[in-house]
Amino acid sequence: MKYIFTILLTILIILSFEKIKLSWELNKLYFNNQNLKIEYEILKEENLKLLTQFHLENLPSGIEKQAKENLGMIKKEAKEIYIDISNEEE
């Protein structure tokens, strides 16, 4: 009887340690999950900002502005061309 009691007590102690270990691991995973969710939200916001910046910088007006400011380019005025259609072959 004493032998069975010792075995059961040993099994109980081992299972208790396993429960503590699993609880600790579960808590750690939960904490990591929360951190990953926060990081995911931050990255989503940063991605949205970068996409917005990309689209703004690649607009024709944005490219023209950079060309004027950084490269010193000047937009030329359009030339007017006149065609005299009154003196066609008669």
N, C-alpha and C. Protein backbone atom coordinates (compact mmCIF):
# COMPACT_ATOMS: atom_id res chain seq x y z
N MET A 1 0.82 -1.19 0.00
CA MET A 1 0.00 0.00 0.00
C MET A 1 0.87 1.26 0.00
N LYS A 2 1.90 1.24 0.81
CA LYS A 2 2.80 2.38 0.89
C LYS A 2 3.49 2.61 -0.45
N TYR A 3 3.80 1.56 -1.13
CA TYR A 3 4.47 1.63 -2.44
C TYR A 3 3.55 2.30 -3.48
N ILE A 4 2.30 1.98 -3.50
CA ILE A 4 1.34 2.57 -4.44
C ILE A 4 1.13 4.05 -4.11
N PHE A 5 1.05 4.37 -2.84
CA PHE A 5 0.89 5.76 -2.43
C PHE A 5 2.09 6.59 -2.89
N THR A 6 3.28 6.08 -2.77
CA THR A 6 4.50 6.78 -3.20
C THR A 6 4.49 7.00 -4.71
N ILE A 7 4.09 6.01 -5.45
CA ILE A 7 4.03 6.13 -6.91
C ILE A 7 3.00 7.18 -7.30
N LEU A 8 1.83 7.15 -6.66
CA LEU A 8 0.79 8.13 -6.98
C LEU A 8 1.22 9.54 -6.61
N LEU A 9 1.88 9.69 -5.52
CA LEU A 9 2.38 11.00 -5.09
C LEU A 9 3.43 11.52 -6.07
N THR A 10 4.30 10.64 -6.52
CA THR A 10 5.33 11.02 -7.49
C THR A 10 4.68 11.45 -8.81
N ILE A 11 3.70 10.69 -9.25
CA ILE A 11 2.99 11.04 -10.49
C ILE A 11 2.28 12.38 -10.33
N LEU A 12 1.68 12.63 -9.19
CA LEU A 12 1.00 13.89 -8.92
C LEU A 12 1.97 15.06 -8.96
N ILE A 13 3.13 14.88 -8.37
CA ILE A 13 4.14 15.95 -8.36
C ILE A 13 4.63 16.23 -9.79
N ILE A 14 4.88 15.18 -10.55
CA ILE A 14 5.34 15.34 -11.93
C ILE A 14 4.28 16.07 -12.76
N LEU A 15 3.02 15.67 -12.60
CA LEU A 15 1.94 16.32 -13.34
C LEU A 15 1.75 17.78 -12.91
N SER A 16 1.98 18.05 -11.64
CA SER A 16 1.87 19.43 -11.16
C SER A 16 2.95 20.30 -11.81
N PHE A 17 4.17 19.78 -11.88
CA PHE A 17 5.23 20.53 -12.53
C PHE A 17 4.94 20.74 -14.02
N GLU A 18 4.38 19.74 -14.66
CA GLU A 18 4.02 19.87 -16.07
C GLU A 18 2.93 20.93 -16.26
N LYS A 19 1.98 20.95 -15.33
CA LYS A 19 0.92 21.96 -15.41
C LYS A 19 1.50 23.36 -15.26
N ILE A 20 2.40 23.53 -14.32
CA ILE A 20 3.04 24.83 -14.11
C ILE A 20 3.83 25.23 -15.35
N LYS A 21 4.56 24.28 -15.91
CA LYS A 21 5.36 24.54 -17.11
C LYS A 21 4.46 24.94 -18.28
N LEU A 22 3.37 24.22 -18.49
CA LEU A 22 2.45 24.53 -19.57
C LEU A 22 1.75 25.87 -19.37
N SER A 23 1.42 26.17 -18.14
CA SER A 23 0.80 27.47 -17.85
C SER A 23 1.75 28.61 -18.17
N TRP A 24 3.00 28.43 -17.80
CA TRP A 24 4.02 29.45 -18.09
C TRP A 24 4.20 29.62 -19.60
N GLU A 25 4.26 28.52 -20.33
CA GLU A 25 4.42 28.59 -21.78
C GLU A 25 3.20 29.23 -22.44
N LEU A 26 2.02 28.90 -21.94
CA LEU A 26 0.80 29.49 -22.48
C LEU A 26 0.78 31.00 -22.24
N ASN A 27 1.17 31.42 -21.07
CA ASN A 27 1.24 32.84 -20.76
C ASN A 27 2.24 33.54 -21.67
N LYS A 28 3.37 32.90 -21.89
CA LYS A 28 4.41 33.46 -22.76
C LYS A 28 3.88 33.59 -24.19
N LEU A 29 3.20 32.58 -24.70
CA LEU A 29 2.63 32.63 -26.04
C LEU A 29 1.55 33.70 -26.17
N TYR A 30 0.74 33.85 -25.14
CA TYR A 30 -0.29 34.89 -25.15
C TYR A 30 0.35 36.26 -25.22
N PHE A 31 1.41 36.47 -24.43
CA PHE A 31 2.12 37.75 -24.44
C PHE A 31 2.74 38.01 -25.81
N ASN A 32 3.35 36.99 -26.40
CA ASN A 32 3.94 37.14 -27.73
C ASN A 32 2.87 37.46 -28.78
N ASN A 33 1.71 36.82 -28.64
CA ASN A 33 0.61 37.08 -29.56
C ASN A 33 0.16 38.54 -29.47
N GLN A 34 0.06 39.06 -28.27
CA GLN A 34 -0.34 40.46 -28.09
C GLN A 34 0.69 41.39 -28.72
N ASN A 35 1.97 41.09 -28.51
CA ASN A 35 3.02 41.92 -29.10
C ASN A 35 2.98 41.88 -30.62
N LEU A 36 2.72 40.69 -31.17
CA LEU A 36 2.65 40.56 -32.63
C LEU A 36 1.45 41.33 -33.20
N LYS A 37 0.34 41.33 -32.49
CA LYS A 37 -0.83 42.08 -32.95
C LYS A 37 -0.53 43.58 -32.98
N ILE A 38 0.13 44.07 -31.94
CA ILE A 38 0.49 45.48 -31.89
C ILE A 38 1.46 45.82 -33.01
N GLU A 39 2.46 45.00 -33.21
CA GLU A 39 3.45 45.23 -34.27
C GLU A 39 2.78 45.17 -35.64
N TYR A 40 1.83 44.27 -35.83
CA TYR A 40 1.10 44.17 -37.09
C TYR A 40 0.33 45.46 -37.38
N GLU A 41 -0.33 46.01 -36.38
CA GLU A 41 -1.07 47.26 -36.56
C GLU A 41 -0.13 48.40 -36.91
N ILE A 42 1.02 48.46 -36.25
CA ILE A 42 2.00 49.50 -36.55
C ILE A 42 2.50 49.37 -37.99
N LEU A 43 2.78 48.15 -38.41
CA LEU A 43 3.25 47.92 -39.78
C LEU A 43 2.18 48.23 -40.82
N LYS A 44 0.91 47.95 -40.49
CA LYS A 44 -0.18 48.30 -41.41
C LYS A 44 -0.25 49.81 -41.60
N GLU A 45 -0.12 50.57 -40.51
CA GLU A 45 -0.16 52.02 -40.61
C GLU A 45 1.03 52.55 -41.41
N GLU A 46 2.22 51.99 -41.15
CA GLU A 46 3.41 52.42 -41.88
C GLU A 46 3.28 52.09 -43.37
N ASN A 47 2.74 50.93 -43.67
CA ASN A 47 2.54 50.54 -45.06
C ASN A 47 1.59 51.50 -45.77
N LEU A 48 0.51 51.89 -45.09
CA LEU A 48 -0.43 52.84 -45.66
C LEU A 48 0.24 54.18 -45.93
N LYS A 49 1.05 54.64 -44.99
CA LYS A 49 1.78 55.90 -45.18
C LYS A 49 2.73 55.81 -46.37
N LEU A 50 3.45 54.69 -46.47
CA LEU A 50 4.39 54.52 -47.57
C LEU A 50 3.68 54.43 -48.92
N LEU A 51 2.55 53.74 -48.96
CA LEU A 51 1.79 53.68 -50.21
C LEU A 51 1.29 55.06 -50.63
N THR A 52 0.80 55.81 -49.65
CA THR A 52 0.34 57.17 -49.94
C THR A 52 1.48 58.03 -50.44
N GLN A 53 2.63 57.95 -49.78
CA GLN A 53 3.80 58.72 -50.19
C GLN A 53 4.25 58.31 -51.60
N PHE A 54 4.24 57.00 -51.88
CA PHE A 54 4.63 56.50 -53.20
C PHE A 54 3.73 57.07 -54.28
N HIS A 55 2.41 57.04 -54.04
CA HIS A 55 1.48 57.53 -55.05
C HIS A 55 1.59 59.04 -55.23
N LEU A 56 1.83 59.77 -54.13
CA LEU A 56 1.97 61.22 -54.24
C LEU A 56 3.24 61.60 -55.00
N GLU A 57 4.32 60.86 -54.75
CA GLU A 57 5.58 61.19 -55.40
C GLU A 57 5.59 60.79 -56.87
N ASN A 58 4.74 59.87 -57.27
CA ASN A 58 4.73 59.43 -58.65
C ASN A 58 3.63 60.07 -59.49
N LEU A 59 2.95 61.05 -58.92
CA LEU A 59 2.01 61.83 -59.71
C LEU A 59 2.80 62.72 -60.66
N PRO A 60 2.27 63.03 -61.83
CA PRO A 60 3.00 63.92 -62.74
C PRO A 60 3.36 65.27 -62.11
N SER A 61 2.45 65.79 -61.29
CA SER A 61 2.75 67.08 -60.64
C SER A 61 3.89 66.94 -59.63
N GLY A 62 3.96 65.80 -58.95
CA GLY A 62 5.06 65.57 -58.01
C GLY A 62 6.38 65.41 -58.71
N ILE A 63 6.38 64.72 -59.84
CA ILE A 63 7.61 64.55 -60.61
C ILE A 63 8.07 65.90 -61.16
N GLU A 64 7.13 66.70 -61.63
CA GLU A 64 7.47 68.02 -62.15
C GLU A 64 8.04 68.90 -61.04
N LYS A 65 7.45 68.83 -59.86
CA LYS A 65 7.95 69.63 -58.74
C LYS A 65 9.37 69.23 -58.37
N GLN A 66 9.65 67.92 -58.33
CA GLN A 66 11.01 67.48 -58.03
C GLN A 66 11.99 67.90 -59.11
N ALA A 67 11.57 67.84 -60.37
CA ALA A 67 12.44 68.25 -61.46
C ALA A 67 12.79 69.73 -61.34
N LYS A 68 11.82 70.55 -60.98
CA LYS A 68 12.07 71.98 -60.83
C LYS A 68 12.97 72.27 -59.63
N GLU A 69 12.66 71.65 -58.49
CA GLU A 69 13.40 71.94 -57.26
C GLU A 69 14.79 71.32 -57.24
N ASN A 70 14.89 70.05 -57.57
CA ASN A 70 16.17 69.34 -57.42
C ASN A 70 17.08 69.48 -58.64
N LEU A 71 16.50 69.53 -59.82
CA LEU A 71 17.31 69.55 -61.03
C LEU A 71 17.37 70.92 -61.70
N GLY A 72 16.58 71.85 -61.21
CA GLY A 72 16.58 73.21 -61.76
C GLY A 72 15.97 73.29 -63.15
N MET A 73 15.10 72.37 -63.48
CA MET A 73 14.48 72.37 -64.81
C MET A 73 13.37 73.42 -64.85
N ILE A 74 13.22 74.01 -66.02
CA ILE A 74 12.20 75.04 -66.22
C ILE A 74 11.27 74.55 -67.31
N LYS A 75 10.00 74.70 -67.07
CA LYS A 75 9.02 74.28 -68.05
C LYS A 75 8.98 75.31 -69.18
N LYS A 76 9.11 74.83 -70.41
CA LYS A 76 9.09 75.73 -71.56
C LYS A 76 7.65 76.07 -71.91
N GLU A 77 7.52 77.27 -72.46
CA GLU A 77 6.20 77.71 -72.91
C GLU A 77 5.88 77.03 -74.23
N ALA A 78 4.64 76.78 -74.46
CA ALA A 78 4.21 76.15 -75.71
C ALA A 78 4.34 77.15 -76.85
N LYS A 79 4.84 76.68 -77.99
CA LYS A 79 4.97 77.55 -79.16
C LYS A 79 3.65 77.52 -79.93
N GLU A 80 3.34 78.66 -80.48
CA GLU A 80 2.13 78.75 -81.28
C GLU A 80 2.51 78.63 -82.75
N ILE A 81 1.80 77.82 -83.46
CA ILE A 81 2.04 77.63 -84.89
C ILE A 81 0.80 78.08 -85.63
N TYR A 82 1.05 78.98 -86.60
CA TYR A 82 -0.07 79.49 -87.40
C TYR A 82 0.05 78.92 -88.80
N ILE A 83 -1.04 78.48 -89.32
CA ILE A 83 -1.09 77.95 -90.68
C ILE A 83 -2.04 78.84 -91.48
N ASP A 84 -1.52 79.33 -92.53
CA ASP A 84 -2.34 80.19 -93.39
C ASP A 84 -3.06 79.30 -94.39
N ILE A 85 -4.35 79.15 -94.19
CA ILE A 85 -5.12 78.27 -95.09
C ILE A 85 -5.84 79.06 -96.17
N SER A 86 -5.70 80.37 -96.17
CA SER A 86 -6.39 81.20 -97.18
C SER A 86 -5.67 81.15 -98.51
N ASN A 87 -4.36 80.88 -98.56
CA ASN A 87 -3.60 80.88 -99.80
C ASN A 87 -3.33 79.47 -100.28
N GLU A 88 -4.29 78.66 -100.25
CA GLU A 88 -4.13 77.32 -100.78
C GLU A 88 -4.08 77.41 -102.30
N GLU A 89 -3.68 76.34 -102.96
CA GLU A 89 -3.60 76.33 -104.40
C GLU A 89 -4.96 76.66 -104.99
N GLU A 90 -4.94 77.57 -105.90
CA GLU A 90 -6.20 78.02 -106.49
C GLU A 90 -6.44 77.43 -107.82
